[in-house]
């Protein structure tokens, strides 16, 4: 598993904006691939999904 690839994907995805990140999380939750995870292992996809969810939880809890 390459943590560096996951970090790179996180940065790329987060640069697309909150709405896009939320949509990507939903896609990943449904088990569908996205271009950023084309060569990822299941473990890397899970790490990416969990990190994105963690990042978005910060924004969802802001007033």
N, C-alpha and C. Protein backbone atom coordinates (compact mmCIF):
# COMPACT_ATOMS: atom_id res chain seq x y z
N UNK A 1 0.85 -1.18 0.00
CA UNK A 1 0.00 0.00 0.00
C UNK A 1 0.89 1.24 0.00
N UNK A 2 0.55 2.20 -0.81
CA UNK A 2 1.32 3.44 -0.91
C UNK A 2 0.56 4.60 -0.30
N UNK A 3 0.98 4.97 0.89
CA UNK A 3 0.34 6.09 1.57
C UNK A 3 0.54 7.38 0.77
N UNK A 4 1.68 7.51 0.11
CA UNK A 4 1.98 8.72 -0.67
C UNK A 4 0.98 8.89 -1.81
N UNK A 5 0.60 7.80 -2.46
CA UNK A 5 -0.40 7.88 -3.54
C UNK A 5 -1.74 8.33 -2.99
N UNK A 6 -2.09 7.84 -1.82
CA UNK A 6 -3.37 8.22 -1.20
C UNK A 6 -3.36 9.71 -0.87
N UNK A 7 -2.27 10.19 -0.30
CA UNK A 7 -2.15 11.62 0.04
C UNK A 7 -2.26 12.47 -1.22
N UNK A 8 -1.61 12.06 -2.28
CA UNK A 8 -1.67 12.79 -3.54
C UNK A 8 -3.11 12.84 -4.07
N UNK A 9 -3.81 11.73 -3.99
CA UNK A 9 -5.21 11.68 -4.44
C UNK A 9 -6.08 12.57 -3.57
N UNK A 10 -5.85 12.56 -2.27
CA UNK A 10 -6.63 13.41 -1.35
C UNK A 10 -6.46 14.87 -1.74
N UNK A 11 -5.22 15.29 -1.97
CA UNK A 11 -4.97 16.68 -2.34
C UNK A 11 -5.66 17.04 -3.65
N UNK A 12 -5.57 16.16 -4.62
CA UNK A 12 -6.20 16.40 -5.91
C UNK A 12 -7.72 16.50 -5.77
N UNK A 13 -8.31 15.58 -5.04
CA UNK A 13 -9.76 15.56 -4.86
C UNK A 13 -10.22 16.78 -4.07
N UNK A 14 -9.52 17.13 -3.01
CA UNK A 14 -9.93 18.26 -2.17
C UNK A 14 -9.85 19.59 -2.94
N UNK A 15 -9.00 19.65 -3.93
CA UNK A 15 -8.91 20.87 -4.75
C UNK A 15 -10.13 21.07 -5.63
N UNK A 16 -11.00 20.07 -5.72
CA UNK A 16 -12.19 20.19 -6.56
C UNK A 16 -13.36 20.83 -5.83
N UNK A 17 -13.25 20.99 -4.51
CA UNK A 17 -14.31 21.64 -3.74
C UNK A 17 -15.15 20.66 -2.94
N UNK A 18 -15.82 21.19 -1.94
CA UNK A 18 -16.58 20.38 -0.99
C UNK A 18 -17.70 19.56 -1.64
N UNK A 19 -18.43 20.17 -2.55
CA UNK A 19 -19.53 19.44 -3.18
C UNK A 19 -19.00 18.25 -3.97
N UNK A 20 -17.93 18.46 -4.68
CA UNK A 20 -17.32 17.37 -5.45
C UNK A 20 -16.78 16.28 -4.54
N UNK A 21 -16.15 16.68 -3.44
CA UNK A 21 -15.62 15.69 -2.49
C UNK A 21 -16.76 14.85 -1.93
N UNK A 22 -17.85 15.48 -1.58
CA UNK A 22 -19.01 14.74 -1.06
C UNK A 22 -19.53 13.75 -2.09
N UNK A 23 -19.59 14.18 -3.35
CA UNK A 23 -20.02 13.28 -4.42
C UNK A 23 -19.06 12.11 -4.60
N UNK A 24 -17.77 12.38 -4.53
CA UNK A 24 -16.77 11.33 -4.67
C UNK A 24 -16.88 10.33 -3.53
N UNK A 25 -17.12 10.81 -2.32
CA UNK A 25 -17.30 9.89 -1.19
C UNK A 25 -18.48 8.96 -1.46
N UNK A 26 -19.58 9.51 -1.96
CA UNK A 26 -20.75 8.68 -2.28
C UNK A 26 -20.42 7.65 -3.35
N UNK A 27 -19.67 8.03 -4.35
CA UNK A 27 -19.27 7.10 -5.41
C UNK A 27 -18.42 5.98 -4.82
N UNK A 28 -17.45 6.35 -4.00
CA UNK A 28 -16.58 5.34 -3.39
C UNK A 28 -17.36 4.42 -2.45
N UNK A 29 -18.32 5.00 -1.73
CA UNK A 29 -19.16 4.20 -0.83
C UNK A 29 -19.96 3.16 -1.60
N UNK A 30 -20.32 3.48 -2.83
CA UNK A 30 -21.11 2.55 -3.64
C UNK A 30 -20.23 1.50 -4.32
N UNK A 31 -18.92 1.63 -4.14
CA UNK A 31 -18.00 0.64 -4.70
C UNK A 31 -17.58 0.92 -6.13
N UNK A 32 -17.96 2.07 -6.65
CA UNK A 32 -17.59 2.42 -8.01
C UNK A 32 -16.21 3.10 -8.03
N UNK A 33 -15.47 2.91 -9.11
CA UNK A 33 -14.15 3.54 -9.19
C UNK A 33 -14.24 4.99 -9.64
N UNK A 34 -13.21 5.73 -9.33
CA UNK A 34 -13.03 7.08 -9.86
C UNK A 34 -11.65 7.11 -10.50
N UNK A 35 -11.38 8.10 -11.32
CA UNK A 35 -10.10 8.12 -12.04
C UNK A 35 -8.90 8.15 -11.10
N UNK A 36 -9.03 8.80 -9.96
CA UNK A 36 -7.91 8.89 -9.01
C UNK A 36 -7.57 7.54 -8.37
N UNK A 37 -8.51 6.61 -8.36
CA UNK A 37 -8.28 5.31 -7.70
C UNK A 37 -8.10 4.18 -8.70
N UNK A 38 -7.90 4.52 -9.93
CA UNK A 38 -7.80 3.53 -11.02
C UNK A 38 -6.81 2.40 -10.69
N UNK A 39 -5.66 2.72 -10.14
CA UNK A 39 -4.63 1.72 -9.85
C UNK A 39 -4.48 1.43 -8.36
N UNK A 40 -5.46 1.81 -7.57
CA UNK A 40 -5.38 1.62 -6.12
C UNK A 40 -5.82 0.22 -5.71
N UNK A 41 -5.21 -0.24 -4.63
CA UNK A 41 -5.67 -1.48 -4.01
C UNK A 41 -6.92 -1.18 -3.20
N UNK A 42 -7.61 -2.22 -2.76
CA UNK A 42 -8.79 -2.02 -1.91
C UNK A 42 -8.42 -1.27 -0.64
N UNK A 43 -7.25 -1.58 -0.08
CA UNK A 43 -6.81 -0.92 1.15
C UNK A 43 -6.57 0.57 0.91
N UNK A 44 -6.00 0.92 -0.23
CA UNK A 44 -5.76 2.33 -0.55
C UNK A 44 -7.08 3.07 -0.76
N UNK A 45 -8.02 2.42 -1.42
CA UNK A 45 -9.34 3.04 -1.62
C UNK A 45 -10.02 3.27 -0.28
N UNK A 46 -9.95 2.30 0.61
CA UNK A 46 -10.54 2.47 1.94
C UNK A 46 -9.88 3.58 2.71
N UNK A 47 -8.55 3.67 2.63
CA UNK A 47 -7.83 4.74 3.31
C UNK A 47 -8.26 6.10 2.76
N UNK A 48 -8.33 6.20 1.43
CA UNK A 48 -8.75 7.44 0.79
C UNK A 48 -10.15 7.84 1.23
N UNK A 49 -11.06 6.90 1.16
CA UNK A 49 -12.45 7.16 1.54
C UNK A 49 -12.54 7.62 3.00
N UNK A 50 -11.85 6.94 3.89
CA UNK A 50 -11.89 7.30 5.30
C UNK A 50 -11.28 8.67 5.55
N UNK A 51 -10.19 8.98 4.87
CA UNK A 51 -9.57 10.30 5.03
C UNK A 51 -10.48 11.41 4.51
N UNK A 52 -11.10 11.17 3.36
CA UNK A 52 -12.02 12.18 2.82
C UNK A 52 -13.20 12.40 3.75
N UNK A 53 -13.73 11.33 4.30
CA UNK A 53 -14.86 11.45 5.24
C UNK A 53 -14.43 12.22 6.48
N UNK A 54 -13.23 11.97 6.94
CA UNK A 54 -12.72 12.68 8.12
C UNK A 54 -12.56 14.17 7.82
N UNK A 55 -12.02 14.48 6.67
CA UNK A 55 -11.84 15.88 6.27
C UNK A 55 -13.19 16.58 6.16
N UNK A 56 -14.15 15.93 5.52
CA UNK A 56 -15.46 16.55 5.33
C UNK A 56 -16.22 16.70 6.65
N UNK A 57 -15.96 15.84 7.60
CA UNK A 57 -16.65 15.96 8.90
C UNK A 57 -16.31 17.28 9.58
N UNK A 58 -15.13 17.79 9.34
CA UNK A 58 -14.72 19.09 9.89
C UNK A 58 -15.61 20.19 9.31
N UNK A 59 -15.84 20.15 8.02
CA UNK A 59 -16.65 21.18 7.36
C UNK A 59 -18.13 21.04 7.70
N UNK A 60 -18.59 19.83 7.86
CA UNK A 60 -20.00 19.61 8.17
C UNK A 60 -20.36 20.06 9.58
N UNK A 61 -19.38 20.11 10.48
CA UNK A 61 -19.63 20.49 11.86
C UNK A 61 -19.40 21.98 12.13
N UNK A 62 -19.07 22.73 11.08
CA UNK A 62 -18.88 24.18 11.25
C UNK A 62 -20.22 24.88 11.19
N UNK A 63 -20.36 25.94 11.95
CA UNK A 63 -21.60 26.74 11.96
C UNK A 63 -21.48 27.93 11.05
